[in-house]
Amino acid sequence: QAQLVESGGGLVQAGGSLRLSCKFSDTTISHYAVGWFRQAPGKELEFVAFISWKRFTTYYGDSVKGRFAVSRDNALAIVYLQMNSLKPKDTAVYYCAAASTIDNGRENSADQYEHWGQGAQVTVSS
């Protein structure tokens, strides 16, 4: 049973926007920190964004700073990734992931995360 369910992917033209959602289907882990990662065809997994549970501390990958914004609604157990000014190079499968604890400075490391969503395809056309 999936514990993180993603939605909101799709096809958009360059310059457009999309919002991804990551819903905790298992509320026992809804207090976990959440990271977003993406993987383009033939490329390695790339860190996109992070948000902590309590203080909503955020971090972003260099390639998305100023264009993407991560937020969460703990009452609804949902984390969002708002993606603006999308570029063709943003095309990838996007994954949300949850972690009970994160080692300092390692929010961008995939191995810190215990639970992963199924992935959502985002395609940006030129």
PDB file of N, CA and C in Angstrom:
ATOM      1  N   GLN A   1       0.846  -1.185   0.000  1.00  0.00           N
ATOM      2  CA  GLN A   1       0.000   0.000   0.000  1.00  0.00           C
ATOM      3  C   GLN A   1       0.880   1.234   0.000  1.00  0.00           C
ATOM      4  N   ALA A   2       0.661   2.087  -1.011  1.00  0.00           N
ATOM      5  CA  ALA A   2       1.457   3.290  -1.126  1.00  0.00           C
ATOM      6  C   ALA A   2       1.177   4.202   0.044  1.00  0.00           C
ATOM      7  N   GLN A   3       2.222   4.789   0.619  1.00  0.00           N
ATOM      8  CA  GLN A   3       2.057   5.709   1.725  1.00  0.00           C
ATOM      9  C   GLN A   3       2.100   7.156   1.271  1.00  0.00           C
ATOM     10  N   LEU A   4       2.651   7.397   0.093  1.00  0.00           N
ATOM     11  CA  LEU A   4       2.690   8.719  -0.498  1.00  0.00           C
ATOM     12  C   LEU A   4       2.077   8.614  -1.883  1.00  0.00           C
ATOM     13  N   VAL A   5       1.087   9.439  -2.157  1.00  0.00           N
ATOM     14  CA  VAL A   5       0.397   9.402  -3.442  1.00  0.00           C
ATOM     15  C   VAL A   5       0.547  10.755  -4.118  1.00  0.00           C
ATOM     16  N   GLU A   6       1.144  10.737  -5.302  1.00  0.00           N
ATOM     17  CA  GLU A   6       1.391  11.977  -6.021  1.00  0.00           C
ATOM     18  C   GLU A   6       0.327  12.210  -7.078  1.00  0.00           C
ATOM     19  N   SER A   7       0.108  13.480  -7.372  1.00  0.00           N
ATOM     20  CA  SER A   7      -0.809  13.853  -8.434  1.00  0.00           C
ATOM     21  C   SER A   7      -0.418  15.222  -8.974  1.00  0.00           C
ATOM     22  N   GLY A   8      -0.974  15.557 -10.137  1.00  0.00           N
ATOM     23  CA  GLY A   8      -0.769  16.896 -10.678  1.00  0.00           C
ATOM     24  C   GLY A   8       0.201  17.004 -11.833  1.00  0.00           C
ATOM     25  N   GLY A   9       0.798  15.901 -12.226  1.00  0.00           N
ATOM     26  CA  GLY A   9       1.714  15.968 -13.358  1.00  0.00           C
ATOM     27  C   GLY A   9       0.956  16.179 -14.660  1.00  0.00           C
ATOM     28  N   GLY A  10       1.704  16.376 -15.747  1.00  0.00           N
ATOM     29  CA  GLY A  10       1.070  16.543 -17.043  1.00  0.00           C
ATOM     30  C   GLY A  10       1.971  17.212 -18.042  1.00  0.00           C
ATOM     31  N   LEU A  11       1.365  17.674 -19.117  1.00  0.00           N
ATOM     32  CA  LEU A  11       2.075  18.333 -20.217  1.00  0.00           C
ATOM     33  C   LEU A  11       1.784  19.831 -20.161  1.00  0.00           C
ATOM     34  N   VAL A  12       2.841  20.619 -20.259  1.00  0.00           N
ATOM     35  CA  VAL A  12       2.681  22.068 -20.220  1.00  0.00           C
ATOM     36  C   VAL A  12       3.689  22.694 -21.170  1.00  0.00           C
ATOM     37  N   GLN A  13       3.353  23.850 -21.695  1.00  0.00           N
ATOM     38  CA  GLN A  13       4.285  24.556 -22.568  1.00  0.00           C
ATOM     39  C   GLN A  13       5.337  25.288 -21.744  1.00  0.00           C
ATOM     40  N   ALA A  14       6.470  25.520 -22.356  1.00  0.00           N
ATOM     41  CA  ALA A  14       7.532  26.269 -21.686  1.00  0.00           C
ATOM     42  C   ALA A  14       6.990  27.617 -21.212  1.00  0.00           C
ATOM     43  N   GLY A  15       7.379  27.988 -20.008  1.00  0.00           N
ATOM     44  CA  GLY A  15       6.886  29.217 -19.410  1.00  0.00           C
ATOM     45  C   GLY A  15       5.650  29.034 -18.560  1.00  0.00           C
ATOM     46  N   GLY A  16       5.035  27.872 -18.657  1.00  0.00           N
ATOM     47  CA  GLY A  16       3.829  27.598 -17.915  1.00  0.00           C
ATOM     48  C   GLY A  16       4.098  27.120 -16.500  1.00  0.00           C
ATOM     49  N   SER A  17       3.021  26.737 -15.820  1.00  0.00           N
ATOM     50  CA  SER A  17       3.103  26.326 -14.422  1.00  0.00           C
ATOM     51  C   SER A  17       2.348  25.016 -14.197  1.00  0.00           C
ATOM     52  N   LEU A  18       2.788  24.298 -13.207  1.00  0.00           N
ATOM     53  CA  LEU A  18       2.094  23.101 -12.733  1.00  0.00           C
ATOM     54  C   LEU A  18       2.259  23.034 -11.224  1.00  0.00           C
ATOM     55  N   ARG A  19       1.315  22.381 -10.566  1.00  0.00           N
ATOM     56  CA  ARG A  19       1.466  22.135  -9.130  1.00  0.00           C
ATOM     57  C   ARG A  19       1.314  20.639  -8.873  1.00  0.00           C
ATOM     58  N   LEU A  20       2.337  20.077  -8.282  1.00  0.00           N
ATOM     59  CA  LEU A  20       2.292  18.682  -7.865  1.00  0.00           C
ATOM     60  C   LEU A  20       1.837  18.595  -6.414  1.00  0.00           C
ATOM     61  N   SER A  21       1.100  17.533  -6.122  1.00  0.00           N
ATOM     62  CA  SER A  21       0.666  17.267  -4.753  1.00  0.00           C
ATOM     63  C   SER A  21       1.197  15.912  -4.315  1.00  0.00           C
ATOM     64  N   CYS A  22       1.510  15.818  -3.047  1.00  0.00           N
ATOM     65  CA  CYS A  22       1.982  14.576  -2.446  1.00  0.00           C
ATOM     66  C   CYS A  22       1.150  14.360  -1.188  1.00  0.00           C
ATOM     67  N   LYS A  23       0.262  13.392  -1.253  1.00  0.00           N
ATOM     68  CA  LYS A  23      -0.669  13.136  -0.154  1.00  0.00           C
ATOM     69  C   LYS A  23      -0.183  11.963   0.678  1.00  0.00           C
ATOM     70  N   PHE A  24      -0.130  12.160   1.974  1.00  0.00           N
ATOM     71  CA  PHE A  24       0.193  11.067   2.881  1.00  0.00           C
ATOM     72  C   PHE A  24      -1.050  10.198   3.045  1.00  0.00           C
ATOM     73  N   SER A  25      -1.026   8.988   2.490  1.00  0.00           N
ATOM     74  CA  SER A  25      -2.158   8.088   2.685  1.00  0.00           C
ATOM     75  C   SER A  25      -2.065   7.398   4.048  1.00  0.00           C
ATOM     76  N   ASP A  26      -0.865   7.392   4.598  1.00  0.00           N
ATOM     77  CA  ASP A  26      -0.635   6.839   5.926  1.00  0.00           C
ATOM     78  C   ASP A  26      -0.344   8.015   6.848  1.00  0.00           C
ATOM     79  N   THR A  27      -1.302   8.390   7.668  1.00  0.00           N
ATOM     80  CA  THR A  27      -1.143   9.591   8.478  1.00  0.00           C
ATOM     81  C   THR A  27      -0.148   9.407   9.627  1.00  0.00           C
ATOM     82  N   THR A  28       0.280   8.176   9.864  1.00  0.00           N
ATOM     83  CA  THR A  28       1.278   7.967  10.920  1.00  0.00           C
ATOM     84  C   THR A  28       2.625   8.541  10.529  1.00  0.00           C
ATOM     85  N   ILE A  29       2.832   8.813   9.255  1.00  0.00           N
ATOM     86  CA  ILE A  29       4.095   9.405   8.810  1.00  0.00           C
ATOM     87  C   ILE A  29       3.906  10.821   8.287  1.00  0.00           C
ATOM     88  N   SER A  30       2.741  11.397   8.493  1.00  0.00           N
ATOM     89  CA  SER A  30       2.466  12.723   7.934  1.00  0.00           C
ATOM     90  C   SER A  30       3.273  13.823   8.605  1.00  0.00           C
ATOM     91  N   HIS A  31       3.969  13.501   9.707  1.00  0.00           N
ATOM     92  CA  HIS A  31       4.811  14.482  10.380  1.00  0.00           C
ATOM     93  C   HIS A  31       6.258  14.401   9.888  1.00  0.00           C
ATOM     94  N   TYR A  32       6.511  13.611   8.873  1.00  0.00           N
ATOM     95  CA  TYR A  32       7.860  13.460   8.354  1.00  0.00           C
ATOM     96  C   TYR A  32       8.258  14.655   7.498  1.00  0.00           C
ATOM     97  N   ALA A  33       9.559  14.875   7.397  1.00  0.00           N
ATOM     98  CA  ALA A  33      10.093  15.838   6.437  1.00  0.00           C
ATOM     99  C   ALA A  33       9.905  15.277   5.027  1.00  0.00           C
ATOM    100  N   VAL A  34       9.795  16.164   4.065  1.00  0.00           N
ATOM    101  CA  VAL A  34       9.520  15.733   2.696  1.00  0.00           C
ATOM    102  C   VAL A  34      10.516  16.354   1.726  1.00  0.00           C
ATOM    103  N   GLY A  35      10.995  15.539   0.836  1.00  0.00           N
ATOM    104  CA  GLY A  35      11.842  16.005  -0.246  1.00  0.00           C
ATOM    105  C   GLY A  35      11.196  15.704  -1.587  1.00  0.00           C
ATOM    106  N   TRP A  36      11.519  16.530  -2.563  1.00  0.00           N
ATOM    107  CA  TRP A  36      11.105  16.277  -3.943  1.00  0.00           C
ATOM    108  C   TRP A  36      12.374  16.017  -4.765  1.00  0.00           C
ATOM    109  N   PHE A  37      12.301  15.000  -5.585  1.00  0.00           N
ATOM    110  CA  PHE A  37      13.388  14.645  -6.474  1.00  0.00           C
ATOM    111  C   PHE A  37      12.809  14.444  -7.876  1.00  0.00           C
ATOM    112  N   ARG A  38      13.690  14.460  -8.851  1.00  0.00           N
ATOM    113  CA  ARG A  38      13.230  14.201 -10.211  1.00  0.00           C
ATOM    114  C   ARG A  38      14.276  13.398 -10.969  1.00  0.00           C
ATOM    115  N   GLN A  39      13.802  12.683 -11.964  1.00  0.00           N
ATOM    116  CA  GLN A  39      14.707  11.904 -12.795  1.00  0.00           C
ATOM    117  C   GLN A  39      14.289  12.013 -14.251  1.00  0.00           C
ATOM    118  N   ALA A  40      15.159  12.573 -15.033  1.00  0.00           N
ATOM    119  CA  ALA A  40      14.939  12.674 -16.474  1.00  0.00           C
ATOM    120  C   ALA A  40      15.474  11.415 -17.145  1.00  0.00           C
ATOM    121  N   PRO A  41      14.981  11.090 -18.330  1.00  0.00           N
ATOM    122  CA  PRO A  41      15.444   9.883 -19.027  1.00  0.00           C
ATOM    123  C   PRO A  41      16.953   9.870 -19.194  1.00  0.00           C
ATOM    124  N   GLY A  42      17.565   8.782 -18.796  1.00  0.00           N
ATOM    125  CA  GLY A  42      19.001   8.630 -18.957  1.00  0.00           C
ATOM    126  C   GLY A  42      19.846   9.412 -17.978  1.00  0.00           C
ATOM    127  N   LYS A  43      19.199  10.058 -17.010  1.00  0.00           N
ATOM    128  CA  LYS A  43      19.952  10.879 -16.048  1.00  0.00           C
ATOM    129  C   LYS A  43      19.749  10.369 -14.626  1.00  0.00           C
ATOM    130  N   GLU A  44      20.623  10.839 -13.738  1.00  0.00           N
ATOM    131  CA  GLU A  44      20.537  10.426 -12.353  1.00  0.00           C
ATOM    132  C   GLU A  44      19.413  11.179 -11.625  1.00  0.00           C
ATOM    133  N   LEU A  45      19.040  10.635 -10.497  1.00  0.00           N
ATOM    134  CA  LEU A  45      18.044  11.284  -9.660  1.00  0.00           C
ATOM    135  C   LEU A  45      18.597  12.620  -9.164  1.00  0.00           C
ATOM    136  N   GLU A  46      17.780  13.662  -9.236  1.00  0.00           N
ATOM    137  CA  GLU A  46      18.221  15.018  -8.892  1.00  0.00           C
ATOM    138  C   GLU A  46      17.347  15.582  -7.780  1.00  0.00           C
ATOM    139  N   PHE A  47      17.978  16.186  -6.790  1.00  0.00           N
ATOM    140  CA  PHE A  47      17.248  16.855  -5.706  1.00  0.00           C
ATOM    141  C   PHE A  47      16.581  18.116  -6.231  1.00  0.00           C
ATOM    142  N   VAL A  48      15.331  18.319  -5.837  1.00  0.00           N
ATOM    143  CA  VAL A  48      14.577  19.488  -6.273  1.00  0.00           C
ATOM    144  C   VAL A  48      14.269  20.419  -5.108  1.00  0.00           C
ATOM    145  N   ALA A  49      13.667  19.877  -4.043  1.00  0.00           N
ATOM    146  CA  ALA A  49      13.237  20.742  -2.935  1.00  0.00           C
ATOM    147  C   ALA A  49      13.036  19.921  -1.679  1.00  0.00           C
ATOM    148  N   PHE A  50      13.038  20.628  -0.542  1.00  0.00           N
ATOM    149  CA  PHE A  50      12.839  20.006   0.766  1.00  0.00           C
ATOM    150  C   PHE A  50      11.999  20.918   1.632  1.00  0.00           C
ATOM    151  N   ILE A  51      11.178  20.299   2.488  1.00  0.00           N
ATOM    152  CA  ILE A  51      10.454  21.069   3.494  1.00  0.00           C
ATOM    153  C   ILE A  51      10.381  20.254   4.772  1.00  0.00           C
ATOM    154  N   SER A  52      10.687  20.909   5.881  1.00  0.00           N
ATOM    155  CA  SER A  52      10.599  20.230   7.165  1.00  0.00           C
ATOM    156  C   SER A  52       9.151  20.214   7.631  1.00  0.00           C
ATOM    157  N   TRP A  53       8.900  19.453   8.708  1.00  0.00           N
ATOM    158  CA  TRP A  53       7.508  19.301   9.138  1.00  0.00           C
ATOM    159  C   TRP A  53       7.030  20.439  10.022  1.00  0.00           C
ATOM    160  N   LYS A  54       7.850  20.785  11.027  1.00  0.00           N
ATOM    161  CA  LYS A  54       7.347  21.679  12.057  1.00  0.00           C
ATOM    162  C   LYS A  54       7.567  23.153  11.707  1.00  0.00           C
ATOM    163  N   ARG A  55       8.801  23.493  11.275  1.00  0.00           N
ATOM    164  CA  ARG A  55       9.105  24.904  11.039  1.00  0.00           C
ATOM    165  C   ARG A  55       9.007  25.302   9.578  1.00  0.00           C
ATOM    166  N   PHE A  56       8.670  24.351   8.736  1.00  0.00           N
ATOM    167  CA  PHE A  56       8.524  24.599   7.300  1.00  0.00           C
ATOM    168  C   PHE A  56       9.810  25.181   6.698  1.00  0.00           C
ATOM    169  N   THR A  57      10.933  24.724   7.194  1.00  0.00           N
ATOM    170  CA  THR A  57      12.205  25.109   6.603  1.00  0.00           C
ATOM    171  C   THR A  57      12.296  24.520   5.200  1.00  0.00           C
ATOM    172  N   THR A  58      12.759  25.330   4.243  1.00  0.00           N
ATOM    173  CA  THR A  58      12.829  24.863   2.863  1.00  0.00           C
ATOM    174  C   THR A  58      14.236  25.007   2.289  1.00  0.00           C
ATOM    175  N   TYR A  59      14.552  24.125   1.361  1.00  0.00           N
ATOM    176  CA  TYR A  59      15.786  24.181   0.578  1.00  0.00           C
ATOM    177  C   TYR A  59      15.429  23.815  -0.857  1.00  0.00           C
ATOM    178  N   TYR A  60      16.230  24.330  -1.788  1.00  0.00           N
ATOM    179  CA  TYR A  60      15.967  24.068  -3.201  1.00  0.00           C
ATOM    180  C   TYR A  60      17.252  23.708  -3.940  1.00  0.00           C
ATOM    181  N   GLY A  61      17.083  22.904  -4.967  1.00  0.00           N
ATOM    182  CA  GLY A  61      18.194  22.647  -5.851  1.00  0.00           C
ATOM    183  C   GLY A  61      18.502  23.892  -6.670  1.00  0.00           C
ATOM    184  N   ASP A  62      19.740  24.055  -7.062  1.00  0.00           N
ATOM    185  CA  ASP A  62      20.157  25.270  -7.773  1.00  0.00           C
ATOM    186  C   ASP A  62      19.378  25.480  -9.069  1.00  0.00           C
ATOM    187  N   SER A  63      19.025  24.404  -9.733  1.00  0.00           N
ATOM    188  CA  SER A  63      18.374  24.534 -11.039  1.00  0.00           C
ATOM    189  C   SER A  63      16.928  25.004 -10.949  1.00  0.00           C
ATOM    190  N   VAL A  64      16.344  24.998  -9.747  1.00  0.00           N
ATOM    191  CA  VAL A  64      14.937  25.394  -9.621  1.00  0.00           C
ATOM    192  C   VAL A  64      14.723  26.596  -8.709  1.00  0.00           C
ATOM    193  N   LYS A  65      15.784  27.087  -8.095  1.00  0.00           N
ATOM    194  CA  LYS A  65      15.647  28.228  -7.188  1.00  0.00           C
ATOM    195  C   LYS A  65      15.031  29.419  -7.900  1.00  0.00           C
ATOM    196  N   GLY A  66      14.059  30.029  -7.220  1.00  0.00           N
ATOM    197  CA  GLY A  66      13.388  31.195  -7.784  1.00  0.00           C
ATOM    198  C   GLY A  66      12.229  30.856  -8.701  1.00  0.00           C
ATOM    199  N   ARG A  67      12.087  29.578  -9.062  1.00  0.00           N
ATOM    200  CA  ARG A  67      10.990  29.162  -9.947  1.00  0.00           C
ATOM    201  C   ARG A  67      10.030  28.196  -9.270  1.00  0.00           C
ATOM    202  N   PHE A  68      10.541  27.361  -8.399  1.00  0.00           N
ATOM    203  CA  PHE A  68       9.720  26.359  -7.711  1.00  0.00           C
ATOM    204  C   PHE A  68       9.539  26.767  -6.254  1.00  0.00           C
ATOM    205  N   ALA A  69       8.416  26.340  -5.691  1.00  0.00           N
ATOM    206  CA  ALA A  69       8.150  26.606  -4.273  1.00  0.00           C
ATOM    207  C   ALA A  69       7.485  25.394  -3.653  1.00  0.00           C
ATOM    208  N   VAL A  70       8.008  24.960  -2.516  1.00  0.00           N
ATOM    209  CA  VAL A  70       7.438  23.817  -1.801  1.00  0.00           C
ATOM    210  C   VAL A  70       6.684  24.335  -0.580  1.00  0.00           C
ATOM    211  N   SER A  71       5.551  23.713  -0.305  1.00  0.00           N
ATOM    212  CA  SER A  71       4.743  24.078   0.852  1.00  0.00           C
ATOM    213  C   SER A  71       4.037  22.833   1.355  1.00  0.00           C
ATOM    214  N   ARG A  72       3.431  22.938   2.519  1.00  0.00           N
ATOM    215  CA  ARG A  72       2.690  21.798   3.049  1.00  0.00           C
ATOM    216  C   ARG A  72       1.541  22.270   3.920  1.00  0.00           C
ATOM    217  N   ASP A  73       0.528  21.434   3.959  1.00  0.00           N
ATOM    218  CA  ASP A  73      -0.634  21.644   4.824  1.00  0.00           C
ATOM    219  C   ASP A  73      -0.690  20.426   5.732  1.00  0.00           C
ATOM    220  N   ASN A  74      -0.193  20.583   6.931  1.00  0.00           N
ATOM    221  CA  ASN A  74      -0.109  19.435   7.835  1.00  0.00           C
ATOM    222  C   ASN A  74      -1.481  18.934   8.269  1.00  0.00           C
ATOM    223  N   ALA A  75      -2.455  19.813   8.327  1.00  0.00           N
ATOM    224  CA  ALA A  75      -3.807  19.387   8.704  1.00  0.00           C
ATOM    225  C   ALA A  75      -4.382  18.434   7.656  1.00  0.00           C
ATOM    226  N   LEU A  76      -4.053  18.686   6.392  1.00  0.00           N
ATOM    227  CA  LEU A  76      -4.547  17.837   5.313  1.00  0.00           C
ATOM    228  C   LEU A  76      -3.560  16.748   4.928  1.00  0.00           C
ATOM    229  N   ALA A  77      -2.364  16.808   5.531  1.00  0.00           N
ATOM    230  CA  ALA A  77      -1.306  15.829   5.235  1.00  0.00           C
ATOM    231  C   ALA A  77      -0.947  15.835   3.756  1.00  0.00           C
ATOM    232  N   ILE A  78      -0.755  17.015   3.216  1.00  0.00           N
ATOM    233  CA  ILE A  78      -0.404  17.176   1.805  1.00  0.00           C
ATOM    234  C   ILE A  78       0.799  18.105   1.690  1.00  0.00           C
ATOM    235  N   VAL A  79       1.688  17.766   0.785  1.00  0.00           N
ATOM    236  CA  VAL A  79       2.820  18.625   0.443  1.00  0.00           C
ATOM    237  C   VAL A  79       2.685  19.004  -1.027  1.00  0.00           C
ATOM    238  N   TYR A  80       2.963  20.269  -1.329  1.00  0.00           N
ATOM    239  CA  TYR A  80       2.816  20.765  -2.697  1.00  0.00           C
ATOM    240  C   TYR A  80       4.172  21.182  -3.270  1.00  0.00           C
ATOM    241  N   LEU A  81       4.283  21.061  -4.565  1.00  0.00           N
ATOM    242  CA  LEU A  81       5.427  21.622  -5.283  1.00  0.00           C
ATOM    243  C   LEU A  81       4.866  22.479  -6.412  1.00  0.00           C
ATOM    244  N   GLN A  82       4.931  23.789  -6.224  1.00  0.00           N
ATOM    245  CA  GLN A  82       4.473  24.724  -7.251  1.00  0.00           C
ATOM    246  C   GLN A  82       5.637  24.998  -8.194  1.00  0.00           C
ATOM    247  N   MET A  83       5.418  24.743  -9.461  1.00  0.00           N
ATOM    248  CA  MET A  83       6.479  24.891 -10.454  1.00  0.00           C
ATOM    249  C   MET A  83       6.076  25.964 -11.454  1.00  0.00           C
ATOM    250  N   ASN A  84       6.840  27.038 -11.486  1.00  0.00           N
ATOM    251  CA  ASN A  84       6.566  28.159 -12.391  1.00  0.00           C
ATOM    252  C   ASN A  84       7.705  28.324 -13.386  1.00  0.00           C
ATOM    253  N   SER A  85       7.434  29.070 -14.431  1.00  0.00           N
ATOM    254  CA  SER A  85       8.442  29.345 -15.468  1.00  0.00           C
ATOM    255  C   SER A  85       9.117  28.055 -15.920  1.00  0.00           C
ATOM    256  N   LEU A  86       8.324  27.072 -16.208  1.00  0.00           N
ATOM    257  CA  LEU A  86       8.863  25.761 -16.549  1.00  0.00           C
ATOM    258  C   LEU A  86       9.638  25.792 -17.859  1.00  0.00           C
ATOM    259  N   LYS A  87      10.672  24.960 -17.910  1.00  0.00           N
ATOM    260  CA  LYS A  87      11.547  24.868 -19.081  1.00  0.00           C
ATOM    261  C   LYS A  87      11.558  23.420 -19.569  1.00  0.00           C
ATOM    262  N   PRO A  88      11.873  23.216 -20.829  1.00  0.00           N
ATOM    263  CA  PRO A  88      11.952  21.831 -21.324  1.00  0.00           C
ATOM    264  C   PRO A  88      12.896  20.957 -20.503  1.00  0.00           C
ATOM    265  N   LYS A  89      13.946  21.532 -19.955  1.00  0.00           N
ATOM    266  CA  LYS A  89      14.869  20.725 -19.152  1.00  0.00           C
ATOM    267  C   LYS A  89      14.284  20.321 -17.808  1.00  0.00           C
ATOM    268  N   ASP A  90      13.114  20.838 -17.451  1.00  0.00           N
ATOM    269  CA  ASP A  90      12.424  20.387 -16.238  1.00  0.00           C
ATOM    270  C   ASP A  90      11.651  19.087 -16.472  1.00  0.00           C
ATOM    271  N   THR A  91      11.594  18.646 -17.723  1.00  0.00           N
ATOM    272  CA  THR A  91      10.894  17.396 -18.030  1.00  0.00           C
ATOM    273  C   THR A  91      11.540  16.232 -17.300  1.00  0.00           C
ATOM    274  N   ALA A  92      10.721  15.506 -16.541  1.00  0.00           N
ATOM    275  CA  ALA A  92      11.232  14.405 -15.731  1.00  0.00           C
ATOM    276  C   ALA A  92      10.065  13.736 -15.014  1.00  0.00           C
ATOM    277  N   VAL A  93      10.352  12.613 -14.387  1.00  0.00           N
ATOM    278  CA  VAL A  93       9.428  12.031 -13.420  1.00  0.00           C
ATOM    279  C   VAL A  93       9.783  12.615 -12.059  1.00  0.00           C
ATOM    280  N   TYR A  94       8.797  13.165 -11.397  1.00  0.00           N
ATOM    281  CA  TYR A  94       8.997  13.815 -10.107  1.00  0.00           C
ATOM    282  C   TYR A  94       8.497  12.892  -8.990  1.00  0.00           C
ATOM    283  N   TYR A  95       9.326  12.770  -7.962  1.00  0.00           N
ATOM    284  CA  TYR A  95       9.002  11.914  -6.835  1.00  0.00           C
ATOM    285  C   TYR A  95       8.988  12.729  -5.547  1.00  0.00           C
ATOM    286  N   CYS A  96       8.007  12.472  -4.690  1.00  0.00           N
ATOM    287  CA  CYS A  96       8.092  12.980  -3.333  1.00  0.00           C
ATOM    288  C   CYS A  96       8.568  11.845  -2.439  1.00  0.00           C
ATOM    289  N   ALA A  97       9.254  12.208  -1.374  1.00  0.00           N
ATOM    290  CA  ALA A  97       9.809  11.224  -0.458  1.00  0.00           C
ATOM    291  C   ALA A  97       9.723  11.773   0.960  1.00  0.00           C
ATOM    292  N   ALA A  98       9.571  10.877   1.923  1.00  0.00           N
ATOM    293  CA  ALA A  98       9.417  11.288   3.312  1.00  0.00           C
ATOM    294  C   ALA A  98      10.487  10.649   4.185  1.00  0.00           C
ATOM    295  N   ALA A  99      10.948  11.423   5.167  1.00  0.00           N
ATOM    296  CA  ALA A  99      11.996  10.959   6.065  1.00  0.00           C
ATOM    297  C   ALA A  99      11.638  11.280   7.507  1.00  0.00           C
ATOM    298  N   SER A 100      11.868  10.318   8.399  1.00  0.00           N
ATOM    299  CA  SER A 100      11.607  10.556   9.821  1.00  0.00           C
ATOM    300  C   SER A 100      12.689  11.443  10.430  1.00  0.00           C
ATOM    301  N   THR A 101      13.913  11.262  10.002  1.00  0.00           N
ATOM    302  CA  THR A 101      15.028  12.106  10.445  1.00  0.00           C
ATOM    303  C   THR A 101      15.939  12.368   9.253  1.00  0.00           C
ATOM    304  N   ILE A 102      16.590  13.522   9.302  1.00  0.00           N
ATOM    305  CA  ILE A 102      17.524  13.908   8.244  1.00  0.00           C
ATOM    306  C   ILE A 102      18.831  14.318   8.899  1.00  0.00           C
ATOM    307  N   ASP A 103      19.927  13.740   8.467  1.00  0.00           N
ATOM    308  CA  ASP A 103      21.217  14.187   8.974  1.00  0.00           C
ATOM    309  C   ASP A 103      21.466  15.624   8.519  1.00  0.00           C
ATOM    310  N   ASN A 104      22.093  16.395   9.373  1.00  0.00           N
ATOM    311  CA  ASN A 104      22.347  17.805   9.049  1.00  0.00           C
ATOM    312  C   ASN A 104      23.041  17.965   7.711  1.00  0.00           C
ATOM    313  N   GLY A 105      22.471  18.808   6.880  1.00  0.00           N
ATOM    314  CA  GLY A 105      23.083  19.098   5.591  1.00  0.00           C
ATOM    315  C   GLY A 105      22.847  18.060   4.513  1.00  0.00           C
ATOM    316  N   ARG A 106      22.031  17.069   4.802  1.00  0.00           N
ATOM    317  CA  ARG A 106      21.838  15.980   3.829  1.00  0.00           C
ATOM    318  C   ARG A 106      20.410  15.913   3.323  1.00  0.00           C
ATOM    319  N   GLU A 107      19.738  17.059   3.358  1.00  0.00           N
ATOM    320  CA  GLU A 107      18.350  17.090   2.877  1.00  0.00           C
ATOM    321  C   GLU A 107      18.266  16.741   1.398  1.00  0.00           C
ATOM    322  N   ASN A 108      19.366  16.927   0.672  1.00  0.00           N
ATOM    323  CA  ASN A 108      19.351  16.677  -0.765  1.00  0.00           C
ATOM    324  C   ASN A 108      19.805  15.263  -1.135  1.00  0.00           C
ATOM    325  N   SER A 109      19.973  14.411  -0.137  1.00  0.00           N
ATOM    326  CA  SER A 109      20.432  13.042  -0.400  1.00  0.00           C
ATOM    327  C   SER A 109      19.269  12.064  -0.378  1.00  0.00           C
ATOM    328  N   ALA A 110      19.079  11.362  -1.478  1.00  0.00           N
ATOM    329  CA  ALA A 110      17.947  10.444  -1.598  1.00  0.00           C
ATOM    330  C   ALA A 110      17.992   9.335  -0.556  1.00  0.00           C
ATOM    331  N   ASP A 111      19.196   8.956  -0.120  1.00  0.00           N
ATOM    332  CA  ASP A 111      19.284   7.848   0.829  1.00  0.00           C
ATOM    333  C   ASP A 111      18.787   8.210   2.228  1.00  0.00           C
ATOM    334  N   GLN A 112      18.460   9.475   2.469  1.00  0.00           N
ATOM    335  CA  GLN A 112      17.918   9.902   3.757  1.00  0.00           C
ATOM    336  C   GLN A 112      16.429   9.586   3.888  1.00  0.00           C
ATOM    337  N   TYR A 113      15.780   9.276   2.783  1.00  0.00           N
ATOM    338  CA  TYR A 113      14.324   9.159   2.745  1.00  0.00           C
ATOM    339  C   TYR A 113      13.867   7.695   2.728  1.00  0.00           C
ATOM    340  N   GLU A 114      12.897   7.399   3.580  1.00  0.00           N
ATOM    341  CA  GLU A 114      12.445   6.015   3.749  1.00  0.00           C
ATOM    342  C   GLU A 114      11.242   5.668   2.876  1.00  0.00           C
ATOM    343  N   HIS A 115      10.423   6.645   2.580  1.00  0.00           N
ATOM    344  CA  HIS A 115       9.182   6.372   1.862  1.00  0.00           C
ATOM    345  C   HIS A 115       9.140   7.216   0.594  1.00  0.00           C
ATOM    346  N   TRP A 116       8.689   6.597  -0.477  1.00  0.00           N
ATOM    347  CA  TRP A 116       8.676   7.266  -1.780  1.00  0.00           C
ATOM    348  C   TRP A 116       7.317   7.133  -2.451  1.00  0.00           C
ATOM    349  N   GLY A 117       6.940   8.192  -3.163  1.00  0.00           N
ATOM    350  CA  GLY A 117       5.744   8.136  -3.974  1.00  0.00           C
ATOM    351  C   GLY A 117       6.005   7.395  -5.275  1.00  0.00           C
ATOM    352  N   GLN A 118       4.961   7.216  -6.053  1.00  0.00           N
ATOM    353  CA  GLN A 118       5.054   6.430  -7.283  1.00  0.00           C
ATOM    354  C   GLN A 118       5.633   7.224  -8.440  1.00  0.00           C
ATOM    355  N   GLY A 119       5.697   8.531  -8.297  1.00  0.00           N
ATOM    356  CA  GLY A 119       6.229   9.376  -9.350  1.00  0.00           C
ATOM    357  C   GLY A 119       5.133   9.989 -10.202  1.00  0.00           C
ATOM    358  N   ALA A 120       5.394  11.200 -10.665  1.00  0.00           N
ATOM    359  CA  ALA A 120       4.457  11.911 -11.542  1.00  0.00           C
ATOM    360  C   ALA A 120       5.239  12.471 -12.724  1.00  0.00           C
ATOM    361  N   GLN A 121       4.758  12.183 -13.923  1.00  0.00           N
ATOM    362  CA  GLN A 121       5.448  12.652 -15.124  1.00  0.00           C
ATOM    363  C   GLN A 121       5.121  14.113 -15.372  1.00  0.00           C
ATOM    364  N   VAL A 122       6.159  14.903 -15.570  1.00  0.00           N
ATOM    365  CA  VAL A 122       6.019  16.302 -15.975  1.00  0.00           C
ATOM    366  C   VAL A 122       6.748  16.461 -17.297  1.00  0.00           C
ATOM    367  N   THR A 123       6.027  16.927 -18.303  1.00  0.00           N
ATOM    368  CA  THR A 123       6.616  17.134 -19.618  1.00  0.00           C
ATOM    369  C   THR A 123       6.414  18.585 -20.023  1.00  0.00           C
ATOM    370  N   VAL A 124       7.516  19.246 -20.358  1.00  0.00           N
ATOM    371  CA  VAL A 124       7.475  20.651 -20.755  1.00  0.00           C
ATOM    372  C   VAL A 124       7.874  20.739 -22.227  1.00  0.00           C
ATOM    373  N   SER A 125       6.973  21.217 -23.039  1.00  0.00           N
ATOM    374  CA  SER A 125       7.232  21.331 -24.474  1.00  0.00           C
ATOM    375  C   SER A 125       7.791  22.706 -24.806  1.00  0.00           C
ATOM    376  N   SER A 126       8.620  22.742 -25.832  1.00  0.00           N
ATOM    377  CA  SER A 126       9.237  24.022 -26.221  1.00  0.00           C
ATOM    378  C   SER A 126       8.380  24.774 -27.233  1.00  0.00           C
TER     379      SER A 126
END
